[in-house]
C-alpha atoms as a PDB file:
ATOM      1  CA  MET A   1     -13.322 -28.501 -30.007  1.00  0.00           C
ATOM      2  CA  ALA A   2     -11.243 -29.563 -27.026  1.00  0.00           C
ATOM      3  CA  ASN A   3      -7.582 -30.481 -27.449  1.00  0.00           C
ATOM      4  CA  LEU A   4      -6.744 -34.012 -26.344  1.00  0.00           C
ATOM      5  CA  TRP A   5      -3.696 -34.658 -24.237  1.00  0.00           C
ATOM      6  CA  SER A   6      -2.608 -37.901 -22.573  1.00  0.00           C
ATOM      7  CA  CYS A   7      -1.229 -38.074 -19.043  1.00  0.00           C
ATOM      8  CA  ASP A   8      -0.779 -41.507 -17.439  1.00  0.00           C
ATOM      9  CA  THR A   9       1.741 -40.407 -14.786  1.00  0.00           C
ATOM     10  CA  PRO A  10       2.327 -37.160 -12.859  1.00  0.00           C
ATOM     11  CA  CYS A  11       3.135 -34.521 -15.466  1.00  0.00           C
ATOM     12  CA  VAL A  12       4.848 -31.157 -15.786  1.00  0.00           C
ATOM     13  CA  PHE A  13       2.651 -28.928 -17.964  1.00  0.00           C
ATOM     14  CA  SER A  14       4.949 -25.914 -18.238  1.00  0.00           C
ATOM     15  CA  VAL A  15       7.852 -23.882 -16.966  1.00  0.00           C
ATOM     16  CA  TRP A  16       6.573 -20.666 -15.408  1.00  0.00           C
ATOM     17  CA  CYS A  17       7.962 -17.348 -16.473  1.00  0.00           C
ATOM     18  CA  THR A  18      10.472 -15.920 -14.027  1.00  0.00           C
ATOM     19  CA  SER A  19       8.967 -13.257 -11.784  1.00  0.00           C
ATOM     20  CA  PRO A  20      11.564 -10.817 -10.470  1.00  0.00           C
ATOM     21  CA  PHE A  21      10.473  -9.567  -7.068  1.00  0.00           C
ATOM     22  CA  GLU A  22      11.776  -6.481  -5.325  1.00  0.00           C
ATOM     23  CA  GLU A  23      10.864  -5.431  -1.815  1.00  0.00           C
ATOM     24  CA  GLY A  24      12.262  -2.749   0.425  1.00  0.00           C
ATOM     25  CA  ASN A  25      11.386  -0.834   3.548  1.00  0.00           C
ATOM     26  CA  ALA A  26      12.934   1.894   5.638  1.00  0.00           C
ATOM     27  CA  PHE A  27      11.998   3.889   8.692  1.00  0.00           C
ATOM     28  CA  ALA A  28      13.369   6.684  10.834  1.00  0.00           C
ATOM     29  CA  LYS A  29      12.487   8.029  14.285  1.00  0.00           C
ATOM     30  CA  LEU A  30      13.544  11.244  15.951  1.00  0.00           C
ATOM     31  CA  TYR A  31      13.299  11.636  19.724  1.00  0.00           C
ATOM     32  CA  TYR A  32      13.518  14.985  21.470  1.00  0.00           C
ATOM     33  CA  ASP A  33      13.255  15.861  25.176  1.00  0.00           C
ATOM     34  CA  PHE A  34      11.872  19.359  25.615  1.00  0.00           C
ATOM     35  CA  SER A  35      12.411  19.014  29.379  1.00  0.00           C
ATOM     36  CA  PRO A  36      12.738  16.190  31.922  1.00  0.00           C
ATOM     37  CA  GLN A  37       8.916  16.074  32.019  1.00  0.00           C
ATOM     38  CA  THR A  38       8.167  16.664  28.326  1.00  0.00           C
ATOM     39  CA  HIS A  39       9.084  14.271  25.511  1.00  0.00           C
ATOM     40  CA  GLY A  40       8.402  14.133  21.789  1.00  0.00           C
ATOM     41  CA  MET A  41       8.907  11.698  18.963  1.00  0.00           C
ATOM     42  CA  ALA A  42       8.308  11.869  15.209  1.00  0.00           C
ATOM     43  CA  GLY A  43       8.924   9.310  12.516  1.00  0.00           C
ATOM     44  CA  PHE A  44       8.447   8.118   8.972  1.00  0.00           C
ATOM     45  CA  SER A  45       8.317   4.674   7.362  1.00  0.00           C
ATOM     46  CA  ILE A  46       8.047   3.489   3.763  1.00  0.00           C
ATOM     47  CA  TYR A  47       7.438   0.078   2.226  1.00  0.00           C
ATOM     48  CA  ARG A  48       7.550  -0.748  -1.482  1.00  0.00           C
ATOM     49  CA  SER A  49       7.274  -3.981  -3.440  1.00  0.00           C
ATOM     50  CA  GLU A  50       7.255  -4.741  -7.162  1.00  0.00           C
ATOM     51  CA  VAL A  51       6.523  -8.005  -8.956  1.00  0.00           C
ATOM     52  CA  SER A  52       7.406  -8.284 -12.655  1.00  0.00           C
ATOM     53  CA  ALA A  53       6.610 -10.888 -15.323  1.00  0.00           C
ATOM     54  CA  ASN A  54       8.925 -10.076 -18.210  1.00  0.00           C
ATOM     55  CA  ASP A  55      10.553 -13.357 -19.263  1.00  0.00           C
ATOM     56  CA  PRO A  56       8.484 -15.786 -21.404  1.00  0.00           C
ATOM     57  CA  TYR A  57       7.139 -19.088 -20.129  1.00  0.00           C
ATOM     58  CA  VAL A  58       7.357 -22.524 -21.775  1.00  0.00           C
ATOM     59  CA  SER A  59       4.263 -24.715 -22.267  1.00  0.00           C
ATOM     60  CA  TYR A  60       4.818 -28.470 -22.675  1.00  0.00           C
ATOM     61  CA  LEU A  61       1.196 -29.023 -23.720  1.00  0.00           C
ATOM     62  CA  GLN A  62       0.835 -29.721 -27.461  1.00  0.00           C
ATOM     63  CA  ASN A  63      -2.025 -30.399 -29.819  1.00  0.00           C
ATOM     64  CA  SER A  64      -2.117 -33.142 -32.470  1.00  0.00           C
ATOM     65  CA  ARG A  65      -0.037 -30.971 -34.847  1.00  0.00           C
ATOM     66  CA  GLY A  66       2.726 -30.526 -32.249  1.00  0.00           C
ATOM     67  CA  GLN A  67       1.896 -26.888 -31.581  1.00  0.00           C
ATOM     68  CA  PRO A  68       2.148 -25.551 -28.001  1.00  0.00           C
ATOM     69  CA  ILE A  69      -1.143 -25.096 -26.148  1.00  0.00           C
ATOM     70  CA  ASN A  70      -1.489 -22.208 -23.731  1.00  0.00           C
ATOM     71  CA  SER A  71      -5.231 -21.559 -23.693  1.00  0.00           C
ATOM     72  CA  GLY A  72      -8.567 -23.113 -24.561  1.00  0.00           C
ATOM     73  CA  ASN A  73     -10.543 -26.180 -23.514  1.00  0.00           C
ATOM     74  CA  LEU A  74      -8.532 -29.318 -22.767  1.00  0.00           C
ATOM     75  CA  ALA A  75      -9.445 -32.969 -22.271  1.00  0.00           C
ATOM     76  CA  ILE A  76      -6.613 -34.730 -20.458  1.00  0.00           C
ATOM     77  CA  ARG A  77      -6.537 -38.526 -20.643  1.00  0.00           C
ATOM     78  CA  ASP A  78      -5.932 -40.270 -17.332  1.00  0.00           C
ATOM     79  CA  GLY A  79      -6.088 -43.979 -18.110  1.00  0.00           C
ATOM     80  CA  ARG A  80      -9.627 -44.612 -19.361  1.00  0.00           C
ATOM     81  CA  ASN A  81     -10.955 -41.330 -17.964  1.00  0.00           C
ATOM     82  CA  PHE A  82     -10.777 -37.765 -19.263  1.00  0.00           C
ATOM     83  CA  ASN A  83     -10.330 -34.676 -17.110  1.00  0.00           C
ATOM     84  CA  LYS A  84     -11.659 -31.504 -18.688  1.00  0.00           C
ATOM     85  CA  LEU A  85     -10.397 -28.050 -17.865  1.00  0.00           C
ATOM     86  CA  THR A  86     -10.261 -24.560 -19.294  1.00  0.00           C
ATOM     87  CA  LEU A  87      -6.726 -23.267 -19.683  1.00  0.00           C
ATOM     88  CA  ARG A  88      -5.732 -19.599 -19.746  1.00  0.00           C
ATOM     89  CA  GLU A  89      -2.376 -18.103 -20.523  1.00  0.00           C
ATOM     90  CA  THR A  90      -2.471 -16.395 -17.139  1.00  0.00           C
ATOM     91  CA  GLU A  91      -1.953 -19.841 -15.569  1.00  0.00           C
ATOM     92  CA  PHE A  92       1.715 -19.676 -16.635  1.00  0.00           C
ATOM     93  CA  SER A  93       2.652 -16.306 -15.192  1.00  0.00           C
ATOM     94  CA  THR A  94       2.188 -13.968 -12.265  1.00  0.00           C
ATOM     95  CA  THR A  95       0.436 -10.610 -12.438  1.00  0.00           C
ATOM     96  CA  PRO A  96       2.722  -7.543 -12.526  1.00  0.00           C
ATOM     97  CA  THR A  97       2.015  -5.546  -9.385  1.00  0.00           C
ATOM     98  CA  ASN A  98       3.550  -2.717  -7.436  1.00  0.00           C
ATOM     99  CA  GLU A  99       2.590  -1.477  -3.986  1.00  0.00           C
ATOM    100  CA  GLU A 100       3.784   1.422  -1.858  1.00  0.00           C
ATOM    101  CA  LYS A 101       2.910   2.315   1.710  1.00  0.00           C
ATOM    102  CA  LYS A 102       4.015   5.462   3.560  1.00  0.00           C
ATOM    103  CA  ARG A 103       3.350   6.273   7.199  1.00  0.00           C
ATOM    104  CA  TYR A 104       4.002   9.444   9.187  1.00  0.00           C
ATOM    105  CA  PHE A 105       3.605   9.452  12.957  1.00  0.00           C
ATOM    106  CA  ALA A 106       4.260  11.628  16.013  1.00  0.00           C
ATOM    107  CA  ARG A 107       3.902  11.313  19.781  1.00  0.00           C
ATOM    108  CA  PHE A 108       3.990  13.796  22.661  1.00  0.00           C
ATOM    109  CA  ASP A 109       3.782  13.269  26.425  1.00  0.00           C
ATOM    110  CA  HIS A 110       4.087  15.557  29.428  1.00  0.00           C
ATOM    111  CA  GLN A 111       3.977  15.022  33.182  1.00  0.00           C
ATOM    112  CA  PHE A 112       2.735  17.860  35.375  1.00  0.00           C
ATOM    113  CA  ASP A 113       4.004  18.651  38.849  1.00  0.00           C
ATOM    114  CA  ASN A 114       0.926  17.048  40.433  1.00  0.00           C
ATOM    115  CA  LYS A 115       1.751  13.751  38.620  1.00  0.00           C
ATOM    116  CA  ALA A 116      -0.991  14.296  36.051  1.00  0.00           C
ATOM    117  CA  THR A 117      -0.070  13.193  32.518  1.00  0.00           C
ATOM    118  CA  LEU A 118      -0.976  14.360  29.027  1.00  0.00           C
ATOM    119  CA  LYS A 119      -0.372  12.137  25.984  1.00  0.00           C
ATOM    120  CA  ALA A 120      -1.037  12.733  22.284  1.00  0.00           C
ATOM    121  CA  ASP A 121      -0.570  10.451  19.260  1.00  0.00           C
ATOM    122  CA  PHE A 122      -1.065  11.198  15.569  1.00  0.00           C
ATOM    123  CA  SER A 123      -0.428   9.172  12.417  1.00  0.00           C
ATOM    124  CA  VAL A 124      -1.177   9.256   8.685  1.00  0.00           C
ATOM    125  CA  GLN A 125      -0.820   6.255   6.387  1.00  0.00           C
ATOM    126  CA  ASN A 126      -1.079   6.315   2.593  1.00  0.00           C
ATOM    127  CA  ARG A 127      -1.059   3.228   0.389  1.00  0.00           C
ATOM    128  CA  PHE A 128      -1.420   2.654  -3.357  1.00  0.00           C
ATOM    129  CA  ILE A 129      -1.449  -0.495  -5.515  1.00  0.00           C
ATOM    130  CA  ASN A 130      -1.286  -0.991  -9.304  1.00  0.00           C
ATOM    131  CA  THR A 131      -1.951  -4.356 -10.969  1.00  0.00           C
ATOM    132  CA  GLY A 132      -1.893  -5.024 -14.720  1.00  0.00           C
ATOM    133  CA  LEU A 133      -3.491  -7.958 -16.515  1.00  0.00           C
ATOM    134  CA  PHE A 134      -4.283  -8.835 -20.110  1.00  0.00           C
ATOM    135  CA  SER A 135      -7.676  -9.734 -21.533  1.00  0.00           C
ATOM    136  CA  THR A 136      -8.571 -13.440 -21.519  1.00  0.00           C
ATOM    137  CA  THR A 137     -11.454 -12.937 -23.972  1.00  0.00           C
ATOM    138  CA  ASN A 138      -9.659 -11.024 -26.724  1.00  0.00           C
ATOM    139  CA  PRO A 139      -7.706 -13.428 -29.014  1.00  0.00           C
ATOM    140  CA  SER A 140      -5.170 -10.712 -29.884  1.00  0.00           C
ATOM    141  CA  ALA A 141      -4.083 -10.316 -26.248  1.00  0.00           C
ATOM    142  CA  ASN A 142      -1.394 -12.542 -24.805  1.00  0.00           C
ATOM    143  CA  PHE A 143       1.490 -12.624 -22.371  1.00  0.00           C
ATOM    144  CA  ASN A 144       3.611 -10.338 -24.536  1.00  0.00           C
ATOM    145  CA  GLY A 145       1.054  -7.566 -25.052  1.00  0.00           C
ATOM    146  CA  GLY A 146      -2.364  -6.571 -26.301  1.00  0.00           C
ATOM    147  CA  VAL A 147      -5.432  -5.098 -24.699  1.00  0.00           C
ATOM    148  CA  GLY A 148      -5.941  -5.469 -20.980  1.00  0.00           C
ATOM    149  CA  GLU A 149      -6.762  -3.691 -17.750  1.00  0.00           C
ATOM    150  CA  LEU A 150      -5.086  -1.736 -15.008  1.00  0.00           C
ATOM    151  CA  SER A 151      -6.575  -2.194 -11.546  1.00  0.00           C
ATOM    152  CA  ALA A 152      -5.448   0.649  -9.294  1.00  0.00           C
ATOM    153  CA  LEU A 153      -5.860   1.728  -5.711  1.00  0.00           C
ATOM    154  CA  PRO A 154      -4.688   5.350  -5.967  1.00  0.00           C
ATOM    155  CA  GLN A 155      -5.885   6.238  -2.478  1.00  0.00           C
ATOM    156  CA  ASP A 156      -6.094   4.192   0.691  1.00  0.00           C
ATOM    157  CA  GLN A 157      -5.549   6.676   3.496  1.00  0.00           C
ATOM    158  CA  ARG A 158      -5.907   6.318   7.253  1.00  0.00           C
ATOM    159  CA  ILE A 159      -5.627   9.201   9.697  1.00  0.00           C
ATOM    160  CA  ASN A 160      -5.565   8.506  13.437  1.00  0.00           C
ATOM    161  CA  GLY A 161      -5.350  10.831  16.405  1.00  0.00           C
ATOM    162  CA  LYS A 162      -5.577  10.319  20.160  1.00  0.00           C
ATOM    163  CA  LEU A 163      -5.462  12.629  23.187  1.00  0.00           C
ATOM    164  CA  GLU A 164      -5.386  11.239  26.730  1.00  0.00           C
ATOM    165  CA  PHE A 165      -5.244  12.884  30.166  1.00  0.00           C
ATOM    166  CA  GLY A 166      -4.568  11.053  33.414  1.00  0.00           C
ATOM    167  CA  MET A 167      -4.560  12.262  37.001  1.00  0.00           C
ATOM    168  CA  PRO A 168      -4.000  10.521  40.358  1.00  0.00           C
ATOM    169  CA  LEU A 169      -6.549  11.509  43.012  1.00  0.00           C
ATOM    170  CA  HIS A 170      -6.435  11.067  46.767  1.00  0.00           C
ATOM    171  CA  PHE A 171      -9.504  11.793  48.861  1.00  0.00           C
ATOM    172  CA  ALA A 172      -8.176  12.438  52.353  1.00  0.00           C
ATOM    173  CA  ALA A 173     -11.671  12.605  53.876  1.00  0.00           C
ATOM    174  CA  LEU A 174     -12.354   8.979  52.911  1.00  0.00           C
ATOM    175  CA  PRO A 175     -11.031   5.848  54.622  1.00  0.00           C
ATOM    176  CA  THR A 176      -7.597   4.776  53.426  1.00  0.00           C
ATOM    177  CA  TRP A 177      -8.934   1.826  51.410  1.00  0.00           C
ATOM    178  CA  LEU A 178     -11.272   4.199  49.494  1.00  0.00           C
ATOM    179  CA  ALA A 179      -8.963   7.172  49.058  1.00  0.00           C
ATOM    180  CA  ALA A 180      -6.560   6.198  46.229  1.00  0.00           C
ATOM    181  CA  HIS A 181      -7.807   6.625  42.619  1.00  0.00           C
ATOM    182  CA  ASN A 182      -6.282   7.236  39.208  1.00  0.00           C
ATOM    183  CA  VAL A 183      -8.607   8.690  36.561  1.00  0.00           C
ATOM    184  CA  VAL A 184      -7.896   8.518  32.820  1.00  0.00           C
ATOM    185  CA  ALA A 185      -9.994  10.244  30.156  1.00  0.00           C
ATOM    186  CA  GLY A 186      -9.366  10.475  26.441  1.00  0.00           C
ATOM    187  CA  PHE A 187     -10.638  11.094  22.958  1.00  0.00           C
ATOM    188  CA  ASP A 188      -9.603   9.470  19.665  1.00  0.00           C
ATOM    189  CA  ALA A 189     -10.573   9.926  16.028  1.00  0.00           C
ATOM    190  CA  ASN A 190     -10.078   7.854  12.893  1.00  0.00           C
ATOM    191  CA  GLU A 191     -10.726   8.712   9.253  1.00  0.00           C
ATOM    192  CA  GLU A 192     -10.392   6.294   6.330  1.00  0.00           C
ATOM    193  CA  ASN A 193     -10.588   7.245   2.637  1.00  0.00           C
ATOM    194  CA  MET A 194     -10.561   4.692  -0.185  1.00  0.00           C
ATOM    195  CA  HIS A 195     -10.569   5.114  -3.958  1.00  0.00           C
ATOM    196  CA  ARG A 196     -10.430   2.146  -6.353  1.00  0.00           C
ATOM    197  CA  VAL A 197     -10.457   2.452 -10.164  1.00  0.00           C
ATOM    198  CA  ARG A 198      -9.993   0.214 -13.236  1.00  0.00           C
ATOM    199  CA  TYR A 199      -8.920   1.292 -16.730  1.00  0.00           C
ATOM    200  CA  ASN A 200      -8.921  -0.319 -20.142  1.00  0.00           C
ATOM    201  CA  LEU A 201      -5.432  -0.447 -21.666  1.00  0.00           C
ATOM    202  CA  SER A 202      -4.564  -0.614 -25.350  1.00  0.00           C
ATOM    203  CA  ASN A 203      -1.375  -2.428 -24.291  1.00  0.00           C
ATOM    204  CA  TRP A 204      -1.556  -4.064 -20.890  1.00  0.00           C
ATOM    205  CA  ARG A 205       2.224  -3.889 -20.492  1.00  0.00           C
ATOM    206  CA  ASP A 206       2.123  -0.083 -20.848  1.00  0.00           C
ATOM    207  CA  TRP A 207       0.174   1.277 -17.880  1.00  0.00           C
ATOM    208  CA  ASN A 208       0.112   4.723 -19.504  1.00  0.00           C
ATOM    209  CA  SER A 209      -1.948   3.432 -22.463  1.00  0.00           C
ATOM    210  CA  LYS A 210      -5.309   4.068 -20.766  1.00  0.00           C
ATOM    211  CA  THR A 211      -8.268   4.314 -23.131  1.00  0.00           C
ATOM    212  CA  ALA A 212     -11.276   4.421 -20.787  1.00  0.00           C
ATOM    213  CA  THR A 213     -12.288   4.176 -17.132  1.00  0.00           C
ATOM    214  CA  ILE A 214     -14.471   1.103 -16.591  1.00  0.00           C
ATOM    215  CA  TYR A 215     -14.860   1.132 -12.792  1.00  0.00           C
ATOM    216  CA  ASN A 216     -14.687   3.861 -10.159  1.00  0.00           C
ATOM    217  CA  ALA A 217     -15.478   3.493  -6.452  1.00  0.00           C
ATOM    218  CA  SER A 218     -14.727   5.645  -3.428  1.00  0.00           C
ATOM    219  CA  GLY A 219     -15.767   5.753   0.200  1.00  0.00           C
ATOM    220  CA  THR A 220     -15.104   7.494   3.506  1.00  0.00           C
ATOM    221  CA  SER A 221     -15.622   6.355   7.078  1.00  0.00           C
ATOM    222  CA  ASN A 222     -15.128   8.294  10.315  1.00  0.00           C
ATOM    223  CA  THR A 223     -14.991   7.082  13.902  1.00  0.00           C
ATOM    224  CA  TYR A 224     -14.931   9.290  17.003  1.00  0.00           C
ATOM    225  CA  GLY A 225     -14.623   7.889  20.492  1.00  0.00           C
ATOM    226  CA  GLY A 226     -14.415   9.154  24.039  1.00  0.00           C
ATOM    227  CA  TYR A 227     -13.644   7.157  27.162  1.00  0.00           C
ATOM    228  CA  VAL A 228     -13.096   7.494  30.903  1.00  0.00           C
ATOM    229  CA  GLN A 229     -11.642   5.020  33.372  1.00  0.00           C
ATOM    230  CA  ASP A 230     -11.119   4.992  37.132  1.00  0.00           C
ATOM    231  CA  GLU A 231      -8.512   2.823  38.806  1.00  0.00           C
ATOM    232  CA  TRP A 232      -9.260   2.274  42.477  1.00  0.00           C
ATOM    233  CA  GLN A 233      -6.626   0.641  44.663  1.00  0.00           C
ATOM    234  CA  PRO A 234      -8.178  -0.602  47.928  1.00  0.00           C
ATOM    235  CA  LEU A 235      -5.043  -2.621  48.746  1.00  0.00           C
ATOM    236  CA  GLU A 236      -1.409  -2.336  47.689  1.00  0.00           C
ATOM    237  CA  LYS A 237      -1.602  -5.407  45.476  1.00  0.00           C
ATOM    238  CA  LEU A 238      -5.260  -5.124  44.439  1.00  0.00           C
ATOM    239  CA  SER A 239      -6.651  -2.768  41.774  1.00  0.00           C
ATOM    240  CA  VAL A 240     -10.226  -2.363  40.553  1.00  0.00           C
ATOM    241  CA  TYR A 241     -10.949  -0.779  37.159  1.00  0.00           C
ATOM    242  CA  ALA A 242     -14.271   0.655  35.984  1.00  0.00           C
ATOM    243  CA  GLY A 243     -15.029   2.783  32.954  1.00  0.00           C
ATOM    244  CA  GLY A 244     -16.877   3.243  29.736  1.00  0.00           C
ATOM    245  CA  ARG A 245     -16.436   4.250  26.122  1.00  0.00           C
ATOM    246  CA  PHE A 246     -18.748   5.930  23.628  1.00  0.00           C
ATOM    247  CA  ASP A 247     -18.153   5.538  19.878  1.00  0.00           C
ATOM    248  CA  SER A 248     -19.761   7.208  16.893  1.00  0.00           C
ATOM    249  CA  TRP A 249     -19.206   5.829  13.368  1.00  0.00           C
ATOM    250  CA  SER A 250     -20.309   7.089   9.959  1.00  0.00           C
ATOM    251  CA  SER A 251     -19.690   5.948   6.384  1.00  0.00           C
ATOM    252  CA  SER A 252     -20.616   7.011   2.845  1.00  0.00           C
ATOM    253  CA  GLY A 253     -19.479   6.208  -0.685  1.00  0.00           C
ATOM    254  CA  GLN A 254     -20.262   5.686  -4.326  1.00  0.00           C
ATOM    255  CA  VAL A 255     -19.558   3.160  -7.069  1.00  0.00           C
ATOM    256  CA  GLN A 256     -19.738   3.351 -10.879  1.00  0.00           C
ATOM    257  CA  GLN A 257     -19.259   0.572 -13.419  1.00  0.00           C
ATOM    258  CA  MET A 258     -18.982   1.767 -17.012  1.00  0.00           C
ATOM    259  CA  THR A 259     -18.747  -1.553 -18.860  1.00  0.00           C
ATOM    260  CA  PRO A 260     -21.140  -1.668 -21.877  1.00  0.00           C
ATOM    261  CA  LEU A 261     -22.718  -5.012 -20.943  1.00  0.00           C
ATOM    262  CA  LEU A 262     -23.421  -4.176 -17.297  1.00  0.00           C
ATOM    263  CA  PRO A 263     -23.403  -0.425 -16.524  1.00  0.00           C
ATOM    264  CA  TYR A 264     -24.070   0.346 -12.904  1.00  0.00           C
ATOM    265  CA  SER A 265     -24.041   3.386 -10.629  1.00  0.00           C
ATOM    266  CA  HIS A 266     -25.016   3.784  -6.993  1.00  0.00           C
ATOM    267  CA  GLN A 267     -24.582   6.413  -4.298  1.00  0.00           C
ATOM    268  CA  TYR A 268     -24.342   5.070  -0.755  1.00  0.00           C
ATOM    269  CA  ASP A 269     -25.912   7.619   1.578  1.00  0.00           C
ATOM    270  CA  GLU A 270     -24.241   8.280   4.893  1.00  0.00           C
ATOM    271  CA  ARG A 271     -24.869   5.663   7.538  1.00  0.00           C
ATOM    272  CA  THR A 272     -24.239   6.253  11.227  1.00  0.00           C
ATOM    273  CA  PHE A 273     -23.871   4.024  14.241  1.00  0.00           C
ATOM    274  CA  THR A 274     -23.270   4.752  17.927  1.00  0.00           C
ATOM    275  CA  GLN A 275     -22.515   2.473  20.835  1.00  0.00           C
ATOM    276  CA  PHE A 276     -21.610   2.698  24.504  1.00  0.00           C
ATOM    277  CA  SER A 277     -19.412  -0.012  26.009  1.00  0.00           C
ATOM    278  CA  GLN A 278     -18.823  -0.387  29.733  1.00  0.00           C
ATOM    279  CA  LYS A 279     -15.746  -1.998  31.211  1.00  0.00           C
ATOM    280  CA  GLY A 280     -14.700  -3.549  34.474  1.00  0.00           C
ATOM    281  CA  ALA A 281     -11.670  -5.488  35.686  1.00  0.00           C
ATOM    282  CA  VAL A 282     -10.034  -6.656  38.915  1.00  0.00           C
ATOM    283  CA  VAL A 283      -6.268  -7.156  39.091  1.00  0.00           C
ATOM    284  CA  TYR A 284      -4.468  -8.841  41.949  1.00  0.00           C
ATOM    285  CA  LYS A 285      -0.665  -8.944  41.940  1.00  0.00           C
ATOM    286  CA  PRO A 286       0.705 -11.308  44.589  1.00  0.00           C
ATOM    287  CA  LEU A 287       4.213 -10.733  43.201  1.00  0.00           C
ATOM    288  CA  ASP A 288       5.938  -7.652  41.828  1.00  0.00           C
ATOM    289  CA  LEU A 289       5.325  -8.561  38.191  1.00  0.00           C
ATOM    290  CA  ILE A 290       4.029  -6.384  35.393  1.00  0.00           C
ATOM    291  CA  CYS A 291       0.310  -6.849  34.860  1.00  0.00           C
ATOM    292  CA  THR A 292      -1.786  -4.717  32.515  1.00  0.00           C
ATOM    293  CA  PRO A 293      -5.596  -4.539  32.843  1.00  0.00           C
ATOM    294  CA  ALA A 294      -8.007  -4.650  29.964  1.00  0.00           C
ATOM    295  CA  ARG A 295      -7.789  -1.604  27.718  1.00  0.00           C
ATOM    296  CA  SER A 296     -10.713   0.456  26.589  1.00  0.00           C
ATOM    297  CA  PRO A 297     -12.387  -1.247  23.626  1.00  0.00           C
ATOM    298  CA  THR A 298     -11.316   0.194  20.283  1.00  0.00           C
ATOM    299  CA  PRO A 299     -13.708   0.088  17.303  1.00  0.00           C
ATOM    300  CA  THR A 300     -12.806  -1.877  14.211  1.00  0.00           C
ATOM    301  CA  VAL A 301     -14.271  -0.172  11.161  1.00  0.00           C
ATOM    302  CA  SER A 302     -14.899  -1.444   7.648  1.00  0.00           C
ATOM    303  CA  ALA A 303     -15.914   1.101   5.024  1.00  0.00           C
ATOM    304  CA  TYR A 304     -19.174  -0.657   4.102  1.00  0.00           C
ATOM    305  CA  SER A 305     -19.616  -3.598   6.465  1.00  0.00           C
ATOM    306  CA  GLY A 306     -20.445  -1.659   9.640  1.00  0.00           C
ATOM    307  CA  VAL A 307     -18.686  -1.302  12.954  1.00  0.00           C
ATOM    308  CA  SER A 308     -17.613  -3.986  15.391  1.00  0.00           C
ATOM    309  CA  LEU A 309     -16.755  -3.119  18.978  1.00  0.00           C
ATOM    310  CA  PRO A 310     -14.623  -5.860  20.581  1.00  0.00           C
ATOM    311  CA  LYS A 311     -15.270  -6.688  24.201  1.00  0.00           C
ATOM    312  CA  PRO A 312     -12.538  -5.923  26.772  1.00  0.00           C
ATOM    313  CA  ARG A 313     -10.376  -8.827  27.739  1.00  0.00           C
ATOM    314  CA  ARG A 314     -11.026 -10.420  31.102  1.00  0.00           C
ATOM    315  CA  ILE A 315      -8.219 -10.463  33.638  1.00  0.00           C
END
């Protein structure tokens, strides 16, 4: 039976529990010049946040016996009308969560005597998230303790690498307006690994009190791309860009749900996708200002939703 509560003016239902929040980040970079033409850089960054919900809340809702109400079906009187809602104790508090993200990265570039350039980039990012919550269907569970779940993301890893070579070319046998070119070619690779899992907890405030795994999902996606671009400069202030990029994407994964009422298991076979994207741009600089042409399109990958190749921006 629903509890009846009267509210003829704007009301305050409760005072939320305090939620201490901690957040911190740090990073470091190291630069080193191997020679005037060769440079290197390496770095590390870390981000961590933690949200707690330790202090109790106060509910101003009361039943006919004057007892506080923090869950159940309510009928709130608003003049002659009644507004019905289902109240859960989770409405009065935040969900304890912690997150950590670490990233390692490095860069190398070298210029040869003939003005050709070689560039390399590499990075690895690892992220994990833990979130605890108590059961809203078990009457013995509440804000202070009892059975619940731990939702965890123990692995969310991204690995990126890129290698690019550029060389200016001058064809003396051609007319001056056709002779000047700058060719850039490169290759990049991306790998993403995800693992998500949920556990039953005998005490949702103790994340080490795991009793069973109720959900387990993992997936991997890989993207490999190669591109080439030619910059032709017929006039001092006019540049013409033409090029193309080829991308290959693949993804696979699996999911298991071990709940008694709805068990489920499925293996996602590897899916692949390839695409070629051409590019063209014209840049005219009447003044000596910095102007950057459209970059080679970079694929945006989602582990199970496919691949989207954005079009190059128009200049």
